[in-house]
Amino acid sequence: MRLYAPAKINLFLHVTGRREDGYHELQTLFQLIDYTDCLTIEPREDDRFEYADDADGAFSGTNLCLQAAELARSRHPEGCGATIFLNKRIAVGAGLGGGSSDAAAVLHGLNRLWGQPWETEELAGMGLELGADVPLFVYGRTAWAEGVGERLTPVARPEGFALVLPTPSEVSTAEAYRSLQLTQWSSPIKMGEVDAYWGSNVFEELLRPRLPEVGTRLDWLRRYAPAAMTGSGGSVFAWFDDRGEAESVLALCPPEWNGRIAAGLARSPLLEQEGA
């Protein structure tokens, strides 16, 4: 089977506190976009997993796809083996959630391959063991999120298009959160207030001095449209109601920035493929 795993952008991102276990409480609005990785999952006659990607031919032990497959196997040991190939398109370490989305695709794919032993809620619970963003991609809908990002409320957003500019620097999510100071936490808001905070991201102030390319891209994009940083860095994006406007700005963009236009998605391609 072939699975398309979408990226996400954060239309705003506030950190409201830190839990005793070290994880941070946040509020954010996740918007799925049609900037996707592609995974192929083929059943094997034995019980082994084989993994490969188009970058270096094999996944490392820390790869979330590998972790997702091993977690699924631990919960369903009688499942057959599989060969998983990843065509990586989403920029890595860019705040776009590509690794989490790939992990969710593996969980969905193995669930289908093995006769759907789990309901979506169970898959999301497994996903949370892998990372805070994975449940978003398991449920596969644009959503308001609280907690560590796992408390999700699907929302309907106006159609639009993101002009995404990845930065060449990979940002470690864990390191970014560890760098936050108490003074950078925000007071909680209500979901209905989100439009007033559109584009607000606690990590922008943190990353601008460390990664000048983030500020350079943001300042350039804001000449043409509302723009923001996504996740804990380092991609930035501008939001447009009209694809033609987005294409006009992309035409002005320095080609070495590797900008791309992605439509907003209400539902993940994973759900469309499953008929969910």
C-alpha atoms as a PDB file:
ATOM      1  CA  MET A   1       0.000   0.000   0.000  1.00  0.00           C
ATOM      2  CA  ARG A   2       1.079   3.590  -0.614  1.00  0.00           C
ATOM      3  CA  LEU A   3       0.440   6.142   2.126  1.00  0.00           C
ATOM      4  CA  TYR A   4       0.759   9.923   2.006  1.00  0.00           C
ATOM      5  CA  ALA A   5       1.775  11.546   5.296  1.00  0.00           C
ATOM      6  CA  PRO A   6       1.014  15.297   5.464  1.00  0.00           C
ATOM      7  CA  ALA A   7       2.983  18.063   7.149  1.00  0.00           C
ATOM      8  CA  LYS A   8       1.464  20.520   9.604  1.00  0.00           C
ATOM      9  CA  ILE A   9       1.974  24.156  10.406  1.00  0.00           C
ATOM     10  CA  ASN A  10       1.165  25.885  13.685  1.00  0.00           C
ATOM     11  CA  LEU A  11      -1.049  28.899  13.073  1.00  0.00           C
ATOM     12  CA  PHE A  12      -0.073  29.983  16.566  1.00  0.00           C
ATOM     13  CA  LEU A  13       1.848  28.323  19.406  1.00  0.00           C
ATOM     14  CA  HIS A  14       1.889  29.249  23.093  1.00  0.00           C
ATOM     15  CA  VAL A  15       3.585  27.396  25.940  1.00  0.00           C
ATOM     16  CA  THR A  16       1.543  27.803  29.120  1.00  0.00           C
ATOM     17  CA  GLY A  17       3.598  25.845  31.662  1.00  0.00           C
ATOM     18  CA  ARG A  18       5.696  22.800  32.412  1.00  0.00           C
ATOM     19  CA  ARG A  19       4.517  19.567  33.999  1.00  0.00           C
ATOM     20  CA  GLU A  20       6.294  17.656  36.733  1.00  0.00           C
ATOM     21  CA  ASP A  21       7.416  15.049  34.188  1.00  0.00           C
ATOM     22  CA  GLY A  22       9.294  17.751  32.256  1.00  0.00           C
ATOM     23  CA  TYR A  23       6.881  18.020  29.344  1.00  0.00           C
ATOM     24  CA  HIS A  24       5.467  21.431  28.514  1.00  0.00           C
ATOM     25  CA  GLU A  25       1.791  22.360  28.389  1.00  0.00           C
ATOM     26  CA  LEU A  26       0.872  24.199  25.232  1.00  0.00           C
ATOM     27  CA  GLN A  27      -1.942  25.633  23.188  1.00  0.00           C
ATOM     28  CA  THR A  28      -1.744  25.611  19.416  1.00  0.00           C
ATOM     29  CA  LEU A  29      -3.784  25.452  16.243  1.00  0.00           C
ATOM     30  CA  PHE A  30      -2.513  22.714  13.950  1.00  0.00           C
ATOM     31  CA  GLN A  31      -3.236  23.159  10.245  1.00  0.00           C
ATOM     32  CA  LEU A  32      -2.567  20.146   8.026  1.00  0.00           C
ATOM     33  CA  ILE A  33      -1.150  20.937   4.574  1.00  0.00           C
ATOM     34  CA  ASP A  34      -0.665  18.910   1.416  1.00  0.00           C
ATOM     35  CA  TYR A  35       3.109  18.833   1.672  1.00  0.00           C
ATOM     36  CA  THR A  36       3.599  15.094   2.088  1.00  0.00           C
ATOM     37  CA  ASP A  37       6.026  12.257   2.566  1.00  0.00           C
ATOM     38  CA  CYS A  38       5.186   9.021   0.781  1.00  0.00           C
ATOM     39  CA  LEU A  39       5.507   5.614   2.427  1.00  0.00           C
ATOM     40  CA  THR A  40       5.146   2.232   0.769  1.00  0.00           C
ATOM     41  CA  ILE A  41       4.327  -0.746   2.982  1.00  0.00           C
ATOM     42  CA  GLU A  42       4.464  -4.253   1.527  1.00  0.00           C
ATOM     43  CA  PRO A  43       3.658  -7.459   3.440  1.00  0.00           C
ATOM     44  CA  ARG A  44       6.341 -10.104   3.866  1.00  0.00           C
ATOM     45  CA  GLU A  45       5.947 -13.856   4.131  1.00  0.00           C
ATOM     46  CA  ASP A  46       8.062 -13.916   7.294  1.00  0.00           C
ATOM     47  CA  ASP A  47       7.699 -11.882  10.482  1.00  0.00           C
ATOM     48  CA  ARG A  48      10.604  -9.489   9.914  1.00  0.00           C
ATOM     49  CA  PHE A  49      10.542  -5.778   9.204  1.00  0.00           C
ATOM     50  CA  GLU A  50      12.801  -4.251   6.585  1.00  0.00           C
ATOM     51  CA  TYR A  51      13.204  -0.483   6.301  1.00  0.00           C
ATOM     52  CA  ALA A  52      14.718   1.800   3.725  1.00  0.00           C
ATOM     53  CA  ASP A  53      14.462   5.392   2.589  1.00  0.00           C
ATOM     54  CA  ASP A  54      15.610   7.404  -0.386  1.00  0.00           C
ATOM     55  CA  ALA A  55      18.292   9.219   1.606  1.00  0.00           C
ATOM     56  CA  ASP A  56      20.716   6.675   3.001  1.00  0.00           C
ATOM     57  CA  GLY A  57      19.038   3.324   2.470  1.00  0.00           C
ATOM     58  CA  ALA A  58      18.228   2.473   6.083  1.00  0.00           C
ATOM     59  CA  PHE A  59      16.505   3.943   9.119  1.00  0.00           C
ATOM     60  CA  SER A  60      18.424   4.487  12.317  1.00  0.00           C
ATOM     61  CA  GLY A  61      17.167   3.066  15.585  1.00  0.00           C
ATOM     62  CA  THR A  62      15.892   6.501  16.595  1.00  0.00           C
ATOM     63  CA  ASN A  63      13.717   6.879  13.487  1.00  0.00           C
ATOM     64  CA  LEU A  64      10.062   7.257  14.442  1.00  0.00           C
ATOM     65  CA  CYS A  65       8.919   4.966  11.620  1.00  0.00           C
ATOM     66  CA  LEU A  66      11.016   2.161  13.053  1.00  0.00           C
ATOM     67  CA  GLN A  67       9.820   2.912  16.574  1.00  0.00           C
ATOM     68  CA  ALA A  68       6.191   2.926  15.413  1.00  0.00           C
ATOM     69  CA  ALA A  69       6.552  -0.448  13.711  1.00  0.00           C
ATOM     70  CA  GLU A  70       8.250  -2.024  16.709  1.00  0.00           C
ATOM     71  CA  LEU A  71       5.618  -0.618  19.061  1.00  0.00           C
ATOM     72  CA  ALA A  72       2.842  -2.009  16.853  1.00  0.00           C
ATOM     73  CA  ARG A  73       4.554  -5.403  16.774  1.00  0.00           C
ATOM     74  CA  SER A  74       4.830  -5.427  20.577  1.00  0.00           C
ATOM     75  CA  ARG A  75       1.042  -4.977  20.779  1.00  0.00           C
ATOM     76  CA  HIS A  76       0.229  -7.443  17.982  1.00  0.00           C
ATOM     77  CA  PRO A  77       3.042 -10.050  17.802  1.00  0.00           C
ATOM     78  CA  GLU A  78       1.124 -12.303  15.415  1.00  0.00           C
ATOM     79  CA  GLY A  79       1.155  -9.641  12.682  1.00  0.00           C
ATOM     80  CA  CYS A  80       3.095 -10.469   9.515  1.00  0.00           C
ATOM     81  CA  GLY A  81       6.335  -8.764   8.628  1.00  0.00           C
ATOM     82  CA  ALA A  82       6.563  -5.798   6.288  1.00  0.00           C
ATOM     83  CA  THR A  83       8.930  -3.868   4.075  1.00  0.00           C
ATOM     84  CA  ILE A  84       8.599  -0.121   4.628  1.00  0.00           C
ATOM     85  CA  PHE A  85      10.086   2.384   2.201  1.00  0.00           C
ATOM     86  CA  LEU A  86      10.022   6.126   2.881  1.00  0.00           C
ATOM     87  CA  ASN A  87      10.211   8.737   0.151  1.00  0.00           C
ATOM     88  CA  LYS A  88      11.185  11.733   2.282  1.00  0.00           C
ATOM     89  CA  ARG A  89       9.867  15.064   0.960  1.00  0.00           C
ATOM     90  CA  ILE A  90       9.084  17.092   4.101  1.00  0.00           C
ATOM     91  CA  ALA A  91      12.068  19.053   5.396  1.00  0.00           C
ATOM     92  CA  VAL A  92      13.684  17.480   8.472  1.00  0.00           C
ATOM     93  CA  GLY A  93      13.903  19.320  11.808  1.00  0.00           C
ATOM     94  CA  ALA A  94      11.811  22.120  10.364  1.00  0.00           C
ATOM     95  CA  GLY A  95       8.801  22.299  12.678  1.00  0.00           C
ATOM     96  CA  LEU A  96       6.587  20.647  10.050  1.00  0.00           C
ATOM     97  CA  GLY A  97       5.974  17.398  11.919  1.00  0.00           C
ATOM     98  CA  GLY A  98       7.260  15.114   9.181  1.00  0.00           C
ATOM     99  CA  GLY A  99       8.689  12.447  11.477  1.00  0.00           C
ATOM    100  CA  SER A 100       5.520  12.321  13.576  1.00  0.00           C
ATOM    101  CA  SER A 101       3.369  12.129  10.461  1.00  0.00           C
ATOM    102  CA  ASP A 102       5.462   9.253   9.089  1.00  0.00           C
ATOM    103  CA  ALA A 103       5.058   7.382  12.377  1.00  0.00           C
ATOM    104  CA  ALA A 104       1.280   7.845  12.232  1.00  0.00           C
ATOM    105  CA  ALA A 105       1.280   6.542   8.656  1.00  0.00           C
ATOM    106  CA  VAL A 106       3.154   3.404   9.753  1.00  0.00           C
ATOM    107  CA  LEU A 107       0.615   2.798  12.532  1.00  0.00           C
ATOM    108  CA  HIS A 108      -2.294   3.241  10.119  1.00  0.00           C
ATOM    109  CA  GLY A 109      -0.614   1.115   7.467  1.00  0.00           C
ATOM    110  CA  LEU A 110       0.195  -1.820   9.747  1.00  0.00           C
ATOM    111  CA  ASN A 111      -3.285  -1.623  11.237  1.00  0.00           C
ATOM    112  CA  ARG A 112      -4.764  -2.063   7.762  1.00  0.00           C
ATOM    113  CA  LEU A 113      -2.248  -4.749   6.833  1.00  0.00           C
ATOM    114  CA  TRP A 114      -3.059  -6.754   9.962  1.00  0.00           C
ATOM    115  CA  GLY A 115      -6.846  -6.596   9.624  1.00  0.00           C
ATOM    116  CA  GLN A 116      -7.457  -3.488  11.769  1.00  0.00           C
ATOM    117  CA  PRO A 117      -6.948  -4.864  15.287  1.00  0.00           C
ATOM    118  CA  TRP A 118      -7.093  -1.311  16.728  1.00  0.00           C
ATOM    119  CA  GLU A 119      -9.606   1.517  16.739  1.00  0.00           C
ATOM    120  CA  THR A 120      -8.368   5.027  15.964  1.00  0.00           C
ATOM    121  CA  GLU A 121      -8.331   5.986  19.656  1.00  0.00           C
ATOM    122  CA  GLU A 122      -6.024   3.051  20.391  1.00  0.00           C
ATOM    123  CA  LEU A 123      -3.715   4.059  17.547  1.00  0.00           C
ATOM    124  CA  ALA A 124      -3.613   7.603  18.923  1.00  0.00           C
ATOM    125  CA  GLY A 125      -2.691   6.283  22.371  1.00  0.00           C
ATOM    126  CA  MET A 126       0.166   4.321  20.828  1.00  0.00           C
ATOM    127  CA  GLY A 127       1.185   7.396  18.899  1.00  0.00           C
ATOM    128  CA  LEU A 128       1.407   9.483  22.068  1.00  0.00           C
ATOM    129  CA  GLU A 129       4.023   7.038  23.351  1.00  0.00           C
ATOM    130  CA  LEU A 130       6.131   7.989  20.330  1.00  0.00           C
ATOM    131  CA  GLY A 131       5.710  11.762  20.436  1.00  0.00           C
ATOM    132  CA  ALA A 132       3.265  14.521  21.346  1.00  0.00           C
ATOM    133  CA  ASP A 133       2.433  15.375  17.713  1.00  0.00           C
ATOM    134  CA  VAL A 134       1.749  11.820  16.541  1.00  0.00           C
ATOM    135  CA  PRO A 135      -1.913  11.700  17.735  1.00  0.00           C
ATOM    136  CA  LEU A 136      -2.667  14.732  15.539  1.00  0.00           C
ATOM    137  CA  PHE A 137      -1.628  12.801  12.463  1.00  0.00           C
ATOM    138  CA  VAL A 138      -3.365   9.616  13.611  1.00  0.00           C
ATOM    139  CA  TYR A 139      -6.681  11.458  13.926  1.00  0.00           C
ATOM    140  CA  GLY A 140      -5.818  13.334  10.737  1.00  0.00           C
ATOM    141  CA  ARG A 141      -7.793  16.534  11.105  1.00  0.00           C
ATOM    142  CA  THR A 142      -6.870  20.192  11.477  1.00  0.00           C
ATOM    143  CA  ALA A 143      -7.327  20.819  15.186  1.00  0.00           C
ATOM    144  CA  TRP A 144      -7.007  23.011  18.251  1.00  0.00           C
ATOM    145  CA  ALA A 145      -4.617  21.316  20.685  1.00  0.00           C
ATOM    146  CA  GLU A 146      -3.911  21.565  24.405  1.00  0.00           C
ATOM    147  CA  GLY A 147      -2.028  19.514  26.983  1.00  0.00           C
ATOM    148  CA  VAL A 148       1.257  18.418  25.415  1.00  0.00           C
ATOM    149  CA  GLY A 149      -0.564  18.569  22.084  1.00  0.00           C
ATOM    150  CA  GLU A 150      -2.610  15.394  22.543  1.00  0.00           C
ATOM    151  CA  ARG A 151      -5.941  16.966  23.573  1.00  0.00           C
ATOM    152  CA  LEU A 152      -7.371  17.669  20.150  1.00  0.00           C
ATOM    153  CA  THR A 153     -10.553  19.414  19.030  1.00  0.00           C
ATOM    154  CA  PRO A 154     -11.169  19.274  15.260  1.00  0.00           C
ATOM    155  CA  VAL A 155     -11.895  22.701  13.798  1.00  0.00           C
ATOM    156  CA  ALA A 156     -13.101  23.953  10.439  1.00  0.00           C
ATOM    157  CA  ARG A 157     -10.829  26.589   8.954  1.00  0.00           C
ATOM    158  CA  PRO A 158     -11.269  28.725   5.841  1.00  0.00           C
ATOM    159  CA  GLU A 159      -9.598  27.345   2.747  1.00  0.00           C
ATOM    160  CA  GLY A 160      -6.168  28.763   2.060  1.00  0.00           C
ATOM    161  CA  PHE A 161      -2.619  28.171   0.959  1.00  0.00           C
ATOM    162  CA  ALA A 162       0.685  28.201   2.807  1.00  0.00           C
ATOM    163  CA  LEU A 163       3.874  29.413   1.168  1.00  0.00           C
ATOM    164  CA  VAL A 164       6.421  27.420   3.181  1.00  0.00           C
ATOM    165  CA  LEU A 165      10.100  28.351   3.421  1.00  0.00           C
ATOM    166  CA  PRO A 166      12.194  25.702   5.189  1.00  0.00           C
ATOM    167  CA  THR A 167      15.458  26.915   6.687  1.00  0.00           C
ATOM    168  CA  PRO A 168      18.708  25.010   6.167  1.00  0.00           C
ATOM    169  CA  SER A 169      19.225  24.485   9.914  1.00  0.00           C
ATOM    170  CA  GLU A 170      17.629  21.538  11.715  1.00  0.00           C
ATOM    171  CA  VAL A 171      16.169  22.401  15.111  1.00  0.00           C
ATOM    172  CA  SER A 172      15.868  19.819  17.873  1.00  0.00           C
ATOM    173  CA  THR A 173      12.388  20.043  19.379  1.00  0.00           C
ATOM    174  CA  ALA A 174      13.598  18.743  22.737  1.00  0.00           C
ATOM    175  CA  GLU A 175      16.438  21.270  22.901  1.00  0.00           C
ATOM    176  CA  ALA A 176      14.135  24.116  21.891  1.00  0.00           C
ATOM    177  CA  TYR A 177      11.704  23.331  24.703  1.00  0.00           C
ATOM    178  CA  ARG A 178      14.535  22.958  27.220  1.00  0.00           C
ATOM    179  CA  SER A 179      15.703  26.460  26.291  1.00  0.00           C
ATOM    180  CA  LEU A 180      12.401  28.091  27.230  1.00  0.00           C
ATOM    181  CA  GLN A 181      12.377  30.295  30.305  1.00  0.00           C
ATOM    182  CA  LEU A 182       9.490  30.925  32.700  1.00  0.00           C
ATOM    183  CA  THR A 183       9.189  34.477  31.371  1.00  0.00           C
ATOM    184  CA  GLN A 184       8.422  33.120  27.908  1.00  0.00           C
ATOM    185  CA  TRP A 185       5.335  31.184  28.998  1.00  0.00           C
ATOM    186  CA  SER A 186       1.931  32.580  28.025  1.00  0.00           C
ATOM    187  CA  SER A 187      -1.396  32.786  29.794  1.00  0.00           C
ATOM    188  CA  PRO A 188      -3.953  30.285  28.445  1.00  0.00           C
ATOM    189  CA  ILE A 189      -6.491  31.565  25.934  1.00  0.00           C
ATOM    190  CA  LYS A 190      -9.870  30.262  24.800  1.00  0.00           C
ATOM    191  CA  MET A 191     -10.209  28.524  21.453  1.00  0.00           C
ATOM    192  CA  GLY A 192     -12.498  31.290  20.188  1.00  0.00           C
ATOM    193  CA  GLU A 193      -9.755  33.855  20.739  1.00  0.00           C
ATOM    194  CA  VAL A 194      -7.233  32.181  18.450  1.00  0.00           C
ATOM    195  CA  ASP A 195      -7.596  34.595  15.530  1.00  0.00           C
ATOM    196  CA  ALA A 196      -6.393  37.443  17.735  1.00  0.00           C
ATOM    197  CA  TYR A 197      -3.151  35.531  18.306  1.00  0.00           C
ATOM    198  CA  TRP A 198      -2.635  34.294  14.734  1.00  0.00           C
ATOM    199  CA  GLY A 199       1.075  33.934  13.983  1.00  0.00           C
ATOM    200  CA  SER A 200       2.190  34.235  17.611  1.00  0.00           C
ATOM    201  CA  ASN A 201       4.893  31.647  18.324  1.00  0.00           C
ATOM    202  CA  VAL A 202       6.892  31.553  21.548  1.00  0.00           C
ATOM    203  CA  PHE A 203       9.909  30.116  19.733  1.00  0.00           C
ATOM    204  CA  GLU A 204      10.319  33.015  17.290  1.00  0.00           C
ATOM    205  CA  GLU A 205      11.992  35.241  19.884  1.00  0.00           C
ATOM    206  CA  LEU A 206      14.164  32.328  20.961  1.00  0.00           C
ATOM    207  CA  LEU A 207      15.399  31.358  17.487  1.00  0.00           C
ATOM    208  CA  ARG A 208      15.860  34.734  15.807  1.00  0.00           C
ATOM    209  CA  PRO A 209      19.219  35.419  17.535  1.00  0.00           C
ATOM    210  CA  ARG A 210      20.447  31.846  17.022  1.00  0.00           C
ATOM    211  CA  LEU A 211      19.293  31.311  13.441  1.00  0.00           C
ATOM    212  CA  PRO A 212      19.387  34.595  11.515  1.00  0.00           C
ATOM    213  CA  GLU A 213      17.932  32.844   8.463  1.00  0.00           C
ATOM    214  CA  VAL A 214      14.641  32.493  10.343  1.00  0.00           C
ATOM    215  CA  GLY A 215      14.348  36.238  10.878  1.00  0.00           C
ATOM    216  CA  THR A 216      15.477  36.985   7.326  1.00  0.00           C
ATOM    217  CA  ARG A 217      12.747  34.803   5.837  1.00  0.00           C
ATOM    218  CA  LEU A 218      10.062  36.037   8.213  1.00  0.00           C
ATOM    219  CA  ASP A 219      10.824  39.691   7.557  1.00  0.00           C
ATOM    220  CA  TRP A 220      10.810  39.088   3.813  1.00  0.00           C
ATOM    221  CA  LEU A 221       7.500  37.176   3.858  1.00  0.00           C
ATOM    222  CA  ARG A 222       5.789  39.771   6.050  1.00  0.00           C
ATOM    223  CA  ARG A 223       6.239  42.314   3.297  1.00  0.00           C
ATOM    224  CA  TYR A 224       3.602  40.398   1.341  1.00  0.00           C
ATOM    225  CA  ALA A 225       1.292  38.564   3.759  1.00  0.00           C
ATOM    226  CA  PRO A 226       0.790  37.490   7.385  1.00  0.00           C
ATOM    227  CA  ALA A 227       3.672  35.150   8.203  1.00  0.00           C
ATOM    228  CA  ALA A 228       4.799  33.039  11.146  1.00  0.00           C
ATOM    229  CA  MET A 229       7.228  30.388  12.266  1.00  0.00           C
ATOM    230  CA  THR A 230       5.895  26.867  12.656  1.00  0.00           C
ATOM    231  CA  GLY A 231       6.499  24.548  15.597  1.00  0.00           C
ATOM    232  CA  SER A 232       9.792  24.977  17.401  1.00  0.00           C
ATOM    233  CA  GLY A 233      11.503  25.967  14.145  1.00  0.00           C
ATOM    234  CA  GLY A 234      12.943  26.517  11.761  1.00  0.00           C
ATOM    235  CA  SER A 235      10.431  26.717   8.822  1.00  0.00           C
ATOM    236  CA  VAL A 236       8.399  29.855   8.282  1.00  0.00           C
ATOM    237  CA  PHE A 237       5.275  30.330   6.233  1.00  0.00           C
ATOM    238  CA  ALA A 238       2.869  32.939   4.919  1.00  0.00           C
ATOM    239  CA  TRP A 239      -0.844  32.257   4.573  1.00  0.00           C
ATOM    240  CA  PHE A 240      -2.876  33.257   1.532  1.00  0.00           C
ATOM    241  CA  ASP A 241      -6.568  32.970   0.724  1.00  0.00           C
ATOM    242  CA  ASP A 242      -5.806  32.724  -2.993  1.00  0.00           C
ATOM    243  CA  ARG A 243      -3.339  30.360  -4.678  1.00  0.00           C
ATOM    244  CA  GLY A 244      -2.570  32.934  -7.363  1.00  0.00           C
ATOM    245  CA  GLU A 245      -1.381  35.419  -4.732  1.00  0.00           C
ATOM    246  CA  ALA A 246       0.820  32.750  -3.167  1.00  0.00           C
ATOM    247  CA  GLU A 247       2.307  31.887  -6.545  1.00  0.00           C
ATOM    248  CA  SER A 248       3.053  35.555  -7.234  1.00  0.00           C
ATOM    249  CA  VAL A 249       5.032  35.852  -4.001  1.00  0.00           C
ATOM    250  CA  LEU A 250       6.798  32.541  -4.603  1.00  0.00           C
ATOM    251  CA  ALA A 251       7.949  33.888  -7.966  1.00  0.00           C
ATOM    252  CA  LEU A 252       9.731  36.715  -6.111  1.00  0.00           C
ATOM    253  CA  CYS A 253      11.296  34.384  -3.568  1.00  0.00           C
ATOM    254  CA  PRO A 254      15.050  33.655  -3.807  1.00  0.00           C
ATOM    255  CA  PRO A 255      15.222  30.216  -5.480  1.00  0.00           C
ATOM    256  CA  GLU A 256      17.795  28.917  -2.989  1.00  0.00           C
ATOM    257  CA  TRP A 257      15.141  29.185  -0.252  1.00  0.00           C
ATOM    258  CA  ASN A 258      13.299  26.220  -1.808  1.00  0.00           C
ATOM    259  CA  GLY A 259       9.863  27.666  -1.180  1.00  0.00           C
ATOM    260  CA  ARG A 260       6.771  25.651  -1.946  1.00  0.00           C
ATOM    261  CA  ILE A 261       3.021  26.183  -1.891  1.00  0.00           C
ATOM    262  CA  ALA A 262       0.786  23.751  -0.017  1.00  0.00           C
ATOM    263  CA  ALA A 263      -2.989  23.853   0.266  1.00  0.00           C
ATOM    264  CA  GLY A 264      -4.576  23.646   3.686  1.00  0.00           C
ATOM    265  CA  LEU A 265      -6.230  20.303   4.427  1.00  0.00           C
ATOM    266  CA  ALA A 266      -9.269  19.650   6.593  1.00  0.00           C
ATOM    267  CA  ARG A 267      -8.523  15.912   6.545  1.00  0.00           C
ATOM    268  CA  SER A 268      -5.359  13.875   6.161  1.00  0.00           C
ATOM    269  CA  PRO A 269      -4.827  11.845   2.982  1.00  0.00           C
ATOM    270  CA  LEU A 270      -4.492   8.842   5.325  1.00  0.00           C
ATOM    271  CA  LEU A 271      -8.189   9.145   6.179  1.00  0.00           C
ATOM    272  CA  GLU A 272      -9.193   9.602   2.563  1.00  0.00           C
ATOM    273  CA  GLN A 273      -7.286   6.462   1.625  1.00  0.00           C
ATOM    274  CA  GLU A 274      -9.059   4.510   4.367  1.00  0.00           C
ATOM    275  CA  GLY A 275     -12.483   5.918   3.655  1.00  0.00           C
ATOM    276  CA  ALA A 276     -12.695   7.202   7.224  1.00  0.00           C
END
